[in-house]
Protein backbone atom coordinates (compact mmCIF):
# COMPACT_ATOMS: atom_id res chain seq x y z
CA MET A 1 -16.55 -18.00 -35.00
CA GLN A 2 -13.98 -18.70 -32.05
CA ALA A 3 -10.35 -17.89 -32.40
CA LEU A 4 -7.17 -20.11 -33.08
CA MET A 5 -5.30 -19.41 -30.40
CA MET A 6 -3.45 -21.08 -27.67
CA ASP A 7 -4.91 -20.95 -24.08
CA VAL A 8 -2.09 -19.84 -21.83
CA PRO A 9 -3.01 -19.00 -18.45
CA LEU A 10 -1.79 -15.77 -16.91
CA LEU A 11 0.49 -16.85 -13.95
CA VAL A 12 2.53 -15.37 -11.43
CA SER A 13 4.36 -18.34 -11.84
CA GLY A 14 5.23 -17.34 -15.36
CA ILE A 15 6.78 -14.13 -14.33
CA LEU A 16 9.30 -15.80 -12.32
CA ASP A 17 9.97 -18.33 -14.85
CA HIS A 18 10.29 -15.44 -17.50
CA ALA A 19 12.95 -13.56 -15.35
CA ALA A 20 14.50 -16.56 -14.36
CA LYS A 21 15.37 -17.43 -18.05
CA TYR A 22 16.00 -14.24 -19.58
CA HIS A 23 16.93 -12.06 -16.84
CA THR A 24 19.10 -14.74 -14.70
CA ASP A 25 21.79 -12.50 -13.46
CA THR A 26 19.72 -9.40 -12.92
CA GLU A 27 20.44 -8.55 -9.23
CA VAL A 28 17.63 -8.01 -6.40
CA VAL A 29 19.46 -6.33 -3.63
CA SER A 30 18.18 -6.01 0.05
CA ALA A 31 19.69 -3.88 2.51
CA GLY A 32 19.16 -5.48 6.10
CA VAL A 33 19.79 -4.42 9.87
CA GLY A 34 23.15 -2.44 10.18
CA GLY A 35 23.29 -1.61 6.61
CA ARG A 36 23.85 -5.18 5.69
CA ILE A 37 23.58 -5.66 2.22
CA THR A 38 22.42 -9.06 0.27
CA ARG A 39 22.77 -9.84 -3.70
CA LYS A 40 20.87 -12.59 -5.35
CA THR A 41 20.07 -12.68 -8.85
CA TYR A 42 16.57 -13.51 -10.52
CA GLY A 43 18.06 -16.88 -11.27
CA GLU A 44 18.79 -17.38 -7.19
CA VAL A 45 15.42 -16.23 -6.42
CA ALA A 46 13.49 -18.64 -8.78
CA ALA A 47 15.65 -21.40 -7.13
CA ARG A 48 14.95 -20.02 -3.54
CA SER A 49 11.22 -19.61 -4.13
CA ALA A 50 11.06 -23.60 -5.70
CA GLN A 51 13.07 -24.45 -2.34
CA LEU A 52 10.27 -22.44 -0.46
CA ALA A 53 7.49 -23.90 -2.61
CA HIS A 54 8.85 -27.68 -1.33
CA ALA A 55 9.02 -26.28 2.14
CA LEU A 56 5.37 -25.68 2.13
CA ASP A 57 4.07 -29.02 0.63
CA ALA A 58 6.28 -30.37 3.53
CA MET A 59 4.33 -28.16 5.93
CA GLY A 60 1.19 -29.43 4.84
CA ILE A 61 -0.37 -26.13 3.83
CA GLY A 62 -2.84 -26.88 1.08
CA ALA A 63 -4.04 -25.40 -2.41
CA GLY A 64 -5.78 -22.36 -1.54
CA ASP A 65 -4.28 -22.15 1.91
CA ARG A 66 -3.39 -18.30 3.22
CA VAL A 67 0.20 -17.84 4.14
CA ALA A 68 0.90 -14.54 5.95
CA THR A 69 3.89 -12.01 5.90
CA MET A 70 4.86 -9.30 8.47
CA ALA A 71 8.07 -8.48 6.64
CA TRP A 72 10.01 -5.84 5.09
CA ASN A 73 10.78 -5.44 1.67
CA SER A 74 13.77 -8.04 0.76
CA ASN A 75 14.63 -10.90 -1.47
CA ARG A 76 13.27 -13.29 1.02
CA HIS A 77 9.50 -11.35 0.76
CA LEU A 78 9.76 -11.61 -3.09
CA GLU A 79 10.66 -15.45 -2.79
CA LEU A 80 7.40 -15.56 -0.66
CA TYR A 81 5.49 -13.88 -3.26
CA PHE A 82 6.19 -16.62 -5.94
CA ALA A 83 6.61 -19.31 -3.86
CA VAL A 84 3.16 -19.26 -2.00
CA GLY A 85 0.81 -17.43 -5.05
CA GLY A 86 2.93 -19.67 -7.62
CA SER A 87 2.28 -22.96 -5.82
CA GLY A 88 -1.34 -22.59 -5.50
CA ARG A 89 -1.58 -20.81 -1.99
CA VAL A 90 -2.63 -17.24 -1.17
CA CYS A 91 0.05 -14.79 0.09
CA HIS A 92 -1.34 -12.83 2.63
CA THR A 93 0.63 -9.55 3.22
CA ILE A 94 0.20 -7.93 6.90
CA ASN A 95 0.70 -4.35 7.83
CA PRO A 96 2.72 -4.48 10.79
CA ARG A 97 1.87 -0.98 11.59
CA LEU A 98 -1.90 -1.67 12.16
CA PHE A 99 -3.19 -1.63 15.92
CA PRO A 100 -2.37 -5.22 17.26
CA GLU A 101 -6.30 -5.73 17.62
CA GLN A 102 -6.68 -5.44 13.92
CA ILE A 103 -3.62 -7.40 12.96
CA ALA A 104 -5.04 -10.16 15.26
CA PHE A 105 -8.71 -9.76 13.57
CA ILE A 106 -6.88 -10.07 10.08
CA LEU A 107 -4.97 -13.22 10.83
CA ASP A 108 -7.90 -14.71 12.47
CA HIS A 109 -10.17 -13.90 9.60
CA ALA A 110 -7.84 -14.99 6.66
CA ASP A 111 -7.43 -18.31 8.74
CA ASP A 112 -3.79 -18.23 8.04
CA LYS A 113 -1.82 -21.60 8.36
CA ALA A 114 1.68 -20.10 8.71
CA VAL A 115 3.09 -16.48 9.35
CA PHE A 116 6.62 -15.59 8.03
CA VAL A 117 7.55 -12.40 10.08
CA GLU A 118 10.67 -10.46 10.55
CA PRO A 119 12.68 -10.83 13.97
CA MET A 120 11.51 -7.16 15.15
CA PHE A 121 7.95 -8.37 15.01
CA LEU A 122 8.13 -11.18 16.76
CA PRO A 123 7.60 -9.78 20.23
CA LEU A 124 4.24 -8.13 18.42
CA LEU A 125 2.96 -11.71 17.70
CA GLU A 126 3.77 -13.05 21.33
CA THR A 127 1.51 -10.19 22.62
CA LEU A 128 -1.32 -11.73 20.62
CA LYS A 129 -0.50 -15.08 21.22
CA ASP A 130 -4.19 -16.13 22.43
CA ALA A 131 -5.83 -14.58 19.53
CA LEU A 132 -3.66 -16.22 16.96
CA PRO A 133 -5.32 -19.02 14.71
CA LYS A 134 -4.79 -22.43 16.19
CA GLY A 135 -1.71 -24.39 15.22
CA LEU A 136 -0.52 -21.11 13.21
CA ALA A 137 3.17 -22.13 11.90
CA ILE A 138 5.89 -19.36 12.86
CA VAL A 139 8.59 -18.93 10.53
CA VAL A 140 11.17 -16.10 11.21
CA LEU A 141 12.71 -14.27 8.30
CA CYS A 142 16.59 -15.05 9.38
CA GLU A 143 19.24 -17.07 9.34
CA GLU A 144 19.35 -20.51 11.48
CA ASP A 145 22.17 -19.06 13.65
CA GLU A 146 20.15 -15.84 14.11
CA LEU A 147 16.61 -17.32 15.45
CA PRO A 148 16.00 -15.56 18.53
CA ALA A 149 14.38 -17.50 21.51
CA SER A 150 11.26 -16.97 22.38
CA GLY A 151 9.57 -18.14 25.44
CA VAL A 152 5.68 -17.99 24.14
CA PHE A 153 6.49 -20.09 20.66
CA PRO A 154 8.89 -22.66 21.67
CA ASP A 155 8.73 -24.47 18.16
CA LEU A 156 10.15 -21.35 15.97
CA VAL A 157 11.62 -22.29 12.50
CA SER A 158 14.20 -19.92 10.52
CA TYR A 159 13.57 -19.15 7.06
CA GLU A 160 17.00 -20.21 6.04
CA GLY A 161 16.98 -23.64 8.08
CA LEU A 162 13.41 -24.12 6.80
CA ILE A 163 14.57 -24.26 2.86
CA ALA A 164 18.01 -25.46 3.08
CA GLY A 165 18.80 -28.58 1.26
CA ARG A 166 15.58 -28.70 -0.64
CA SER A 167 15.39 -28.92 -4.56
CA GLY A 168 15.94 -25.64 -6.49
CA THR A 169 13.68 -26.66 -9.27
CA TYR A 170 9.54 -27.16 -8.91
CA GLU A 171 6.82 -28.22 -10.76
CA TRP A 172 4.53 -24.81 -10.73
CA PRO A 173 1.36 -25.99 -11.32
CA ARG A 174 -0.73 -24.60 -14.32
CA LEU A 175 -3.76 -23.22 -12.37
CA ASP A 176 -6.68 -21.66 -13.76
CA GLU A 177 -5.59 -17.81 -13.93
CA ASN A 178 -8.76 -16.74 -11.98
CA GLU A 179 -7.50 -18.65 -8.76
CA ALA A 180 -6.39 -16.45 -5.83
CA CYS A 181 -2.85 -15.70 -5.50
CA SER A 182 -2.73 -12.87 -2.77
CA LEU A 183 -4.65 -11.49 -0.46
CA CYS A 184 -4.55 -7.70 1.07
CA TYR A 185 -6.77 -6.19 3.65
CA THR A 186 -7.44 -2.62 3.57
CA SER A 187 -6.54 -0.29 6.72
CA GLY A 188 -10.01 -0.63 8.40
CA THR A 189 -10.88 2.92 8.50
CA THR A 190 -14.69 2.21 9.03
CA GLY A 191 -15.16 -0.74 11.08
CA ASN A 192 -12.78 -3.87 10.49
CA PRO A 193 -10.56 -4.12 7.76
CA LYS A 194 -11.50 -5.66 4.68
CA GLY A 195 -9.97 -8.47 2.58
CA VAL A 196 -9.39 -8.04 -1.25
CA LEU A 197 -8.37 -11.12 -2.68
CA TYR A 198 -6.66 -11.02 -6.05
CA SER A 199 -6.36 -13.63 -9.24
CA HIS A 200 -3.01 -14.72 -10.85
CA ARG A 201 -4.91 -12.94 -14.07
CA SER A 202 -5.44 -9.51 -12.29
CA SER A 203 -2.19 -9.24 -10.75
CA VAL A 204 -0.18 -10.42 -14.11
CA LEU A 205 -2.22 -7.95 -15.97
CA HIS A 206 -1.94 -4.94 -13.28
CA ALA A 207 1.70 -5.44 -13.65
CA MET A 208 1.91 -5.58 -17.40
CA ALA A 209 -0.10 -2.30 -17.19
CA ILE A 210 2.38 -0.08 -14.42
CA GLY A 211 5.30 -1.09 -16.62
CA TRP A 212 3.51 1.17 -19.85
CA VAL A 213 5.78 4.20 -20.23
CA ASP A 214 2.51 6.37 -19.64
CA ALA A 215 1.90 4.76 -16.39
CA ILE A 216 4.90 4.13 -13.35
CA GLY A 217 7.41 2.86 -16.51
CA LEU A 218 9.68 0.17 -16.42
CA SER A 219 12.30 -1.51 -18.58
CA GLY A 220 15.36 -3.90 -18.29
CA GLU A 221 17.13 -0.78 -18.42
CA ASP A 222 15.90 0.42 -14.88
CA THR A 223 17.07 0.00 -11.18
CA ALA A 224 14.17 0.17 -9.56
CA CYS A 225 13.95 0.84 -5.28
CA LEU A 226 10.80 -0.33 -3.94
CA VAL A 227 10.28 2.27 -0.97
CA VAL A 228 6.48 1.23 -1.07
CA PRO A 229 6.33 -1.53 1.74
CA MET A 230 5.27 -4.88 -0.14
CA PHE A 231 2.92 -5.27 2.59
CA HIS A 232 1.04 -2.07 0.94
CA VAL A 233 -1.21 -3.73 -1.95
CA ASN A 234 1.58 -5.54 -3.11
CA ALA A 235 3.99 -2.83 -3.45
CA TRP A 236 1.68 -1.11 -5.89
CA GLY A 237 2.49 -4.49 -8.20
CA LEU A 238 6.07 -3.66 -8.60
CA PRO A 239 7.35 -6.98 -7.20
CA TYR A 240 5.63 -8.49 -10.19
CA ALA A 241 6.43 -5.84 -12.59
CA CYS A 242 10.30 -5.49 -12.26
CA PRO A 243 11.11 -9.23 -13.06
CA MET A 244 8.55 -9.29 -15.83
CA MET A 245 10.45 -6.34 -17.30
CA GLY A 246 13.70 -7.32 -15.93
CA ALA A 247 14.58 -4.51 -13.95
CA LYS A 248 17.14 -4.70 -11.46
CA MET A 249 15.52 -4.46 -7.95
CA VAL A 250 16.64 -2.64 -4.96
CA MET A 251 15.03 -3.56 -1.18
CA PRO A 252 15.41 -0.88 1.41
CA GLY A 253 14.28 -3.12 4.09
CA ALA A 254 13.41 -0.56 7.27
CA ASN A 255 15.78 2.03 6.50
CA LEU A 256 13.73 4.82 4.85
CA ASP A 257 15.36 8.00 6.29
CA GLY A 258 16.46 10.20 3.72
CA ALA A 259 20.23 9.82 4.55
CA SER A 260 19.62 5.93 4.23
CA LEU A 261 17.91 5.96 1.05
CA ARG A 262 20.47 8.34 -0.88
CA LYS A 263 23.33 6.40 0.36
CA LEU A 264 21.17 3.28 -0.99
CA PHE A 265 20.04 4.97 -4.49
CA ASP A 266 23.81 6.18 -5.31
CA ALA A 267 25.59 3.05 -4.41
CA GLU A 268 22.99 0.82 -6.60
CA GLY A 269 22.61 3.22 -9.15
CA VAL A 270 18.94 3.37 -8.76
CA THR A 271 16.83 5.20 -11.59
CA MET A 272 13.38 5.05 -10.60
CA SER A 273 11.52 4.69 -6.99
CA ALA A 274 7.93 4.93 -5.92
CA GLY A 275 6.55 5.93 -2.39
CA VAL A 276 4.16 8.16 -0.42
CA PRO A 277 4.86 11.57 -0.43
CA THR A 278 6.32 11.47 2.89
CA ILE A 279 9.02 9.32 1.80
CA TRP A 280 10.32 11.98 -0.81
CA MET A 281 9.87 14.64 1.67
CA GLY A 282 12.26 13.41 3.80
CA LEU A 283 14.57 12.52 0.92
CA THR A 284 14.47 15.93 -0.62
CA ALA A 285 15.08 17.81 2.78
CA HIS A 286 18.25 15.75 3.23
CA MET A 287 19.33 16.30 -0.45
CA GLU A 288 18.88 20.40 0.21
CA ASP A 289 20.37 20.38 3.53
CA ALA A 290 23.51 18.26 2.01
CA GLY A 291 23.66 20.41 -1.15
CA ALA A 292 23.73 17.36 -2.92
CA THR A 293 22.26 16.28 -6.22
CA PHE A 294 21.23 12.89 -7.51
CA GLY A 295 23.42 10.83 -9.76
CA THR A 296 21.20 8.22 -11.38
CA LEU A 297 17.75 8.87 -9.94
CA LYS A 298 15.29 10.19 -12.91
CA ARG A 299 11.99 9.60 -11.72
CA VAL A 300 9.78 8.74 -8.88
CA ALA A 301 6.07 7.51 -8.43
CA VAL A 302 3.98 8.74 -5.85
CA GLY A 303 0.74 7.40 -4.69
CA GLY A 304 -0.78 6.69 -1.16
CA SER A 305 -2.02 10.73 -0.53
CA ALA A 306 -1.67 13.73 -3.00
CA MET A 307 1.94 15.07 -3.62
CA PRO A 308 1.93 18.69 -2.83
CA ALA A 309 2.94 20.90 -5.53
CA PRO A 310 5.61 22.44 -3.76
CA LEU A 311 7.32 19.27 -3.15
CA ILE A 312 6.95 18.35 -6.95
CA GLU A 313 8.46 21.63 -7.59
CA ARG A 314 11.40 20.97 -5.39
CA MET A 315 11.98 17.35 -6.49
CA ASN A 316 12.02 18.89 -9.99
CA ALA A 317 14.83 21.43 -8.84
CA LEU A 318 17.06 18.31 -8.17
CA GLY A 319 16.42 16.47 -11.32
CA VAL A 320 13.70 14.05 -10.72
CA SER A 321 10.53 14.07 -12.44
CA VAL A 322 7.26 12.95 -10.47
CA ARG A 323 4.74 10.85 -11.67
CA HIS A 324 1.58 10.98 -9.84
CA ALA A 325 -0.58 7.49 -9.10
CA TRP A 326 -4.00 6.77 -7.93
CA GLY A 327 -5.42 3.50 -6.65
CA MET A 328 -6.91 1.83 -3.82
CA THR A 329 -6.59 -1.58 -2.33
CA GLU A 330 -9.62 -2.54 -4.07
CA THR A 331 -7.82 -1.25 -7.22
CA SER A 332 -4.61 -3.45 -7.20
CA PRO A 333 -4.12 -0.42 -6.76
CA VAL A 334 -3.11 1.56 -10.14
CA GLY A 335 -5.95 2.82 -12.25
CA LEU A 336 -4.57 6.54 -12.77
CA ALA A 337 -1.20 7.89 -13.59
CA SER A 338 -0.44 11.61 -14.36
CA ALA A 339 1.71 11.25 -17.75
CA LEU A 340 1.47 14.32 -19.65
CA LYS A 341 0.42 14.32 -23.54
CA PRO A 342 2.14 16.19 -26.52
CA LYS A 343 -0.36 18.55 -25.94
CA HIS A 344 0.69 19.51 -23.06
CA ALA A 345 4.22 20.59 -24.30
CA ASN A 346 3.96 24.26 -24.50
CA LEU A 347 2.26 24.69 -21.27
CA SER A 348 4.08 26.90 -18.50
CA ASP A 349 5.98 25.75 -15.64
CA GLU A 350 3.13 26.96 -13.38
CA GLU A 351 0.21 24.93 -15.80
CA ARG A 352 2.49 21.67 -16.00
CA LEU A 353 3.09 21.33 -12.48
CA THR A 354 -0.98 21.97 -11.64
CA LEU A 355 -1.31 19.19 -14.24
CA ASN A 356 1.29 16.94 -12.39
CA ALA A 357 -0.38 17.42 -9.23
CA LYS A 358 -3.63 15.87 -10.30
CA GLN A 359 -3.99 12.04 -9.66
CA GLY A 360 -3.83 11.50 -13.38
CA ARG A 361 -5.47 9.99 -16.32
CA PRO A 362 -7.10 6.34 -16.77
CA LEU A 363 -4.84 3.40 -17.57
CA PHE A 364 -6.28 1.24 -20.58
CA GLY A 365 -8.73 -1.12 -19.09
CA MET A 366 -9.68 0.79 -16.37
CA GLN A 367 -13.25 2.71 -16.94
CA PHE A 368 -13.96 5.58 -14.89
CA ARG A 369 -17.27 7.78 -13.97
CA VAL A 370 -17.75 10.57 -12.05
CA GLU A 371 -21.40 10.66 -10.64
CA GLY A 372 -23.25 13.51 -9.48
CA ALA A 373 -25.78 13.80 -6.85
CA ASP A 374 -28.41 12.71 -9.43
CA GLY A 375 -26.92 9.74 -10.69
CA SER A 376 -25.31 11.37 -14.01
CA ASP A 377 -22.01 11.81 -15.31
CA VAL A 378 -20.83 15.29 -14.52
CA PRO A 379 -19.08 17.45 -16.97
CA ARG A 380 -15.49 16.79 -17.75
CA ASP A 381 -14.64 20.56 -17.21
CA ALA A 382 -12.17 20.34 -14.32
CA LYS A 383 -14.86 22.24 -12.24
CA SER A 384 -18.03 19.94 -11.64
CA TYR A 385 -17.09 17.27 -9.08
CA GLY A 386 -18.82 13.92 -8.10
CA ALA A 387 -18.20 10.55 -7.01
CA LEU A 388 -15.49 8.45 -8.26
CA LEU A 389 -16.57 5.04 -10.01
CA VAL A 390 -14.73 2.48 -11.33
CA ARG A 391 -14.28 -0.96 -12.86
CA GLY A 392 -11.84 -3.03 -14.45
CA PRO A 393 -9.97 -6.10 -15.02
CA TRP A 394 -7.91 -5.49 -11.69
CA VAL A 395 -10.77 -4.21 -9.93
CA ALA A 396 -12.34 -6.23 -6.75
CA SER A 397 -15.86 -7.52 -7.42
CA ARG A 398 -16.54 -7.94 -3.67
CA TYR A 399 -14.43 -8.46 -0.32
CA PHE A 400 -13.03 -11.70 0.76
CA GLY A 401 -15.11 -13.63 3.50
CA SER A 402 -17.90 -11.36 3.69
CA ASP A 403 -21.21 -12.42 4.74
CA SER A 404 -22.99 -9.67 2.95
CA GLU A 405 -22.30 -7.40 0.27
CA SER A 406 -20.57 -4.23 0.54
CA PRO A 407 -22.87 -1.31 -0.81
CA SER A 408 -19.38 -0.06 -2.30
CA PHE A 409 -19.90 -2.94 -5.13
CA ARG A 410 -23.08 -1.64 -6.91
CA ALA A 411 -25.36 -3.98 -8.78
CA ASP A 412 -24.87 -2.26 -11.82
CA GLY A 413 -21.13 -3.46 -11.98
CA TRP A 414 -19.46 -0.14 -10.30
CA PHE A 415 -17.14 0.31 -7.22
CA GLU A 416 -17.81 3.19 -5.33
CA THR A 417 -14.27 4.28 -4.41
CA GLY A 418 -15.20 7.00 -1.49
CA ASP A 419 -13.67 9.98 -3.37
CA VAL A 420 -14.86 12.98 -4.67
CA VAL A 421 -13.10 14.40 -7.56
CA THR A 422 -13.23 16.75 -10.57
CA ILE A 423 -12.13 15.51 -14.37
CA ASP A 424 -11.24 17.45 -17.14
CA PRO A 425 -11.70 16.55 -20.87
CA ASP A 426 -8.78 14.96 -21.28
CA GLY A 427 -9.77 12.45 -18.37
CA TYR A 428 -7.39 13.89 -16.07
CA VAL A 429 -8.94 13.16 -12.22
CA GLN A 430 -8.12 15.45 -9.22
CA ILE A 431 -9.56 14.34 -5.45
CA VAL A 432 -10.93 17.23 -3.79
CA ASP A 433 -12.40 15.35 -0.91
CA ARG A 434 -13.26 12.10 0.66
CA THR A 435 -17.06 11.14 1.15
CA LYS A 436 -16.81 9.17 4.53
CA ASP A 437 -14.16 12.28 5.75
CA VAL A 438 -11.10 9.78 5.76
CA ILE A 439 -7.79 11.13 6.75
CA LYS A 440 -4.52 10.19 4.84
CA SER A 441 -1.54 10.54 6.76
CA GLY A 442 1.88 9.47 5.61
CA GLY A 443 -0.01 7.02 3.10
CA GLU A 444 -2.11 5.72 5.85
CA TRP A 445 -5.72 6.04 6.53
CA ILE A 446 -7.13 7.41 9.61
CA SER A 447 -10.57 7.13 10.64
CA SER A 448 -12.36 10.26 12.03
CA ILE A 449 -15.03 8.25 13.24
CA GLU A 450 -12.95 5.91 15.38
CA LEU A 451 -11.16 8.82 16.98
CA GLU A 452 -14.31 10.61 17.63
CA ASN A 453 -15.65 8.00 19.45
CA VAL A 454 -12.25 7.27 21.29
CA ALA A 455 -12.36 10.85 22.70
CA THR A 456 -16.18 10.96 23.50
CA GLY A 457 -15.18 8.24 26.15
CA HIS A 458 -13.33 10.72 28.15
CA PRO A 459 -15.02 11.66 31.20
CA ALA A 460 -14.83 15.05 30.57
CA VAL A 461 -15.58 15.11 26.83
CA LYS A 462 -19.23 15.83 25.76
CA GLU A 463 -19.04 15.73 22.14
CA ALA A 464 -15.99 15.31 19.74
CA ALA A 465 -15.35 15.90 15.75
CA VAL A 466 -12.07 15.16 13.76
CA VAL A 467 -11.28 16.90 10.47
CA ALA A 468 -7.89 16.86 8.28
CA ARG A 469 -5.29 19.35 8.28
CA THR A 470 -3.28 19.62 5.68
CA ASP A 471 0.42 18.85 6.66
CA ASP A 472 3.71 19.72 4.55
CA LYS A 473 5.60 16.42 6.12
CA TRP A 474 2.43 13.68 6.38
CA GLY A 475 0.12 15.17 3.72
CA GLU A 476 -2.84 15.12 6.42
CA ARG A 477 -3.12 15.35 9.85
CA PRO A 478 -6.11 15.16 12.03
CA VAL A 479 -7.35 17.87 14.30
CA LEU A 480 -9.47 17.21 17.09
CA PHE A 481 -12.30 19.31 18.24
CA LEU A 482 -13.97 19.12 21.70
CA VAL A 483 -17.01 20.50 23.68
CA VAL A 484 -16.33 19.86 27.34
CA LYS A 485 -19.21 18.69 29.61
CA ASP A 486 -20.89 21.29 31.68
CA GLY A 487 -19.00 21.58 35.35
CA ARG A 488 -15.92 19.73 34.16
CA GLN A 489 -12.55 21.12 33.94
CA ALA A 490 -11.09 21.17 30.31
CA PRO A 491 -8.81 18.52 29.66
CA THR A 492 -5.57 19.53 28.43
CA ALA A 493 -3.91 18.42 25.00
CA ASP A 494 -1.38 15.94 26.59
CA ASP A 495 -4.20 14.35 28.89
CA ILE A 496 -6.23 13.55 25.69
CA ARG A 497 -3.47 12.06 23.72
CA SER A 498 -2.61 9.80 27.03
CA PHE A 499 -6.35 8.83 26.66
CA TYR A 500 -5.67 7.51 23.36
CA GLU A 501 -2.59 5.26 24.34
CA GLY A 502 -3.48 1.72 23.86
CA LYS A 503 -7.25 2.24 22.10
CA VAL A 504 -5.54 3.41 18.57
CA ALA A 505 -2.20 3.15 16.70
CA ARG A 506 0.30 6.02 17.83
CA TRP A 507 0.28 7.28 14.66
CA CYS A 508 -3.31 8.28 14.33
CA ILE A 509 -3.64 9.91 17.45
CA PRO A 510 -4.12 13.71 17.03
CA ASP A 511 -1.44 16.14 17.70
CA ASP A 512 -3.62 19.13 17.48
CA VAL A 513 -6.36 19.25 20.12
CA ARG A 514 -8.79 22.42 20.28
CA ILE A 515 -11.59 23.07 23.02
CA VAL A 516 -14.29 25.12 21.32
CA ASP A 517 -17.86 26.02 23.12
CA ALA A 518 -20.19 24.31 20.42
CA LEU A 519 -20.01 22.12 17.11
CA PRO A 520 -22.06 22.64 14.11
CA HIS A 521 -24.75 20.40 13.44
CA THR A 522 -27.22 19.56 10.54
CA ALA A 523 -30.70 19.60 10.45
CA THR A 524 -30.71 15.57 11.44
CA GLY A 525 -28.09 16.12 14.32
CA LYS A 526 -25.17 14.99 12.39
CA LEU A 527 -21.63 16.83 12.47
CA ARG A 528 -21.27 19.37 9.78
CA LYS A 529 -18.02 18.70 8.85
CA THR A 530 -17.99 21.13 6.18
CA ASP A 531 -18.38 24.08 8.54
CA ILE A 532 -15.81 22.62 11.18
CA ARG A 533 -13.37 22.14 8.43
CA ASP A 534 -14.08 26.36 8.33
CA MET A 535 -13.02 26.72 11.73
CA LEU A 536 -9.34 25.53 11.04
C-alpha cells in the first residue's frame, strides 16, 4: 500500500527560501582584504542569489551546465552556491591550491561555461589561458570600480556589475531532487583529479545530518565561522546547514592566521567553527602566547586529517570542545563524528581523550563495514584492522565523466575508502593507515607515488621512496628516501627541492630528504613501505 504523503522534492533552493522567510535578519559576515567587513542578511543573500540567477540566464548558461568558482569563503561565494545549484545548473568549486595543470584539467574535464574568480587568482587563470575551455566566461568577484585590468582577458566582468539592476526575485524551478547541484574534484592523489557530482537530495540530507547534536551540531542560536574552505567538499556542507538551521555565518576569507581568527571570533561572537588541525594548531598557539581565552567560542569540528590528542587537550584547556569528524569528497563528506555517549560520562580524562581522538561513529543513514583480507567483517574489538567500506544516501555511486568504472565502487554497492581502520563495539572508527600511502598534510592530500616519480627523474637518483612523517603542525609531511646512482655525487636536499619546483605544488615538496644505500623490496620487487617507515 502506497502512503498518502505529499511529494515535495528536497532542493537547495528550498534551503534558501526557508532562510529568507524565517531567518531574514540573520547575518552573513564576510572578512575581506585589509580587514574590510561586509554584512548581508539571509534576506539580502536570497535577493542577490536571485539577481545572479537572472544573470546566468542572460549569459546563456543552460540547465546542467557547470559554473566554476575559484573563491574564498564569502557571501558572494554563498550566493553562487544557491544561484547556480538552485537554478538547475551545477556549482563547481575549484581548489586554487592545486597545481596549475590540475586546475586546467579540472576546468576542461568539467567543461565549465563560466568561472567566478577572486582578483588574486586571476593571474593564475591568465597563465592557463591556452588550456581553458573555449568560450569560458570570466567574472571577477569584486565591485565594478575594483575590476582589475588584464591584457590576457579583455572581456572581464565584475560580479557586482553583473548582478546590478536585476530582479531580486526568481522563480526557482521545481527540479527532480536527484538532479545535480554541485561538483567537487578529489585532490588527484593517484592520477588526475576525479569529479564527484552531488544531487540536491544528497546535499539536503547531508546538511540535515551534520546539524544534529551528535554530528557537527548547529542551531539558530549559533554563530558559525566557516574556516574550512568552500572549495573543500562544499565546506563540509555548512553553507547549506547554516541557513537551514538559521545560524549566523562568519566567513573569514583568506585570513586564517591565529591573530586574524581570534579577532574575528571575538568581534562576531563566534560560538562554533570547523577546520583542519593545522588551523587549530595556529590559533591555539596564538592564544597561548597571548595568554588569552576565548570569549564565546565553545566548540570546533575538525577533519581532513587526524587531530593529535595533545592539541585536543590544549584546546580543551582553553575551554573549547573538539568534535572529530571523518569524510571524503566521495561521502559529501561527513560520515563519522566522535560524539560521546552517556556511558562515557565516568571515563577518566585520558580515556575520554583517547575516544575523542578517534574519527567517530556513523551518522544515521551511513553504513560502514570493516573488511579483513579474507573478505569477512573484522571483529569490533578496537584492535583488529581492515579496509573501511561505506555506502549511504550521500555517498557517490561513480565518478563524474569517467569512461570506466573505478574499482573503488564495488559491484556489491560498497565504496572502498582506501583507509585501514579499527572499529570498537560502539562503532567508533579509528584510522590506522592508508592503503595507498597517501600523505595528508594540513588537510591536503599528497601522492607519495607522484613525488617518487619526480625524484627518480633527477639524473643522480637511482631509486626513491616517500613515506609520511608525523608533524605537529601539518599532521603529516612527506619524507623522501633516495638511493644515488653509482659514480654520481649525492645531491643535497636543496638540490632536490629545487628539482621539484614547477613539477608539483610547493606545499607537496618534501622538506626532509635522506640518502640511503638501499631500499627494502618485496619478493615481487615493490618497495616495502612498512620497512621504510621503520627507517624513520
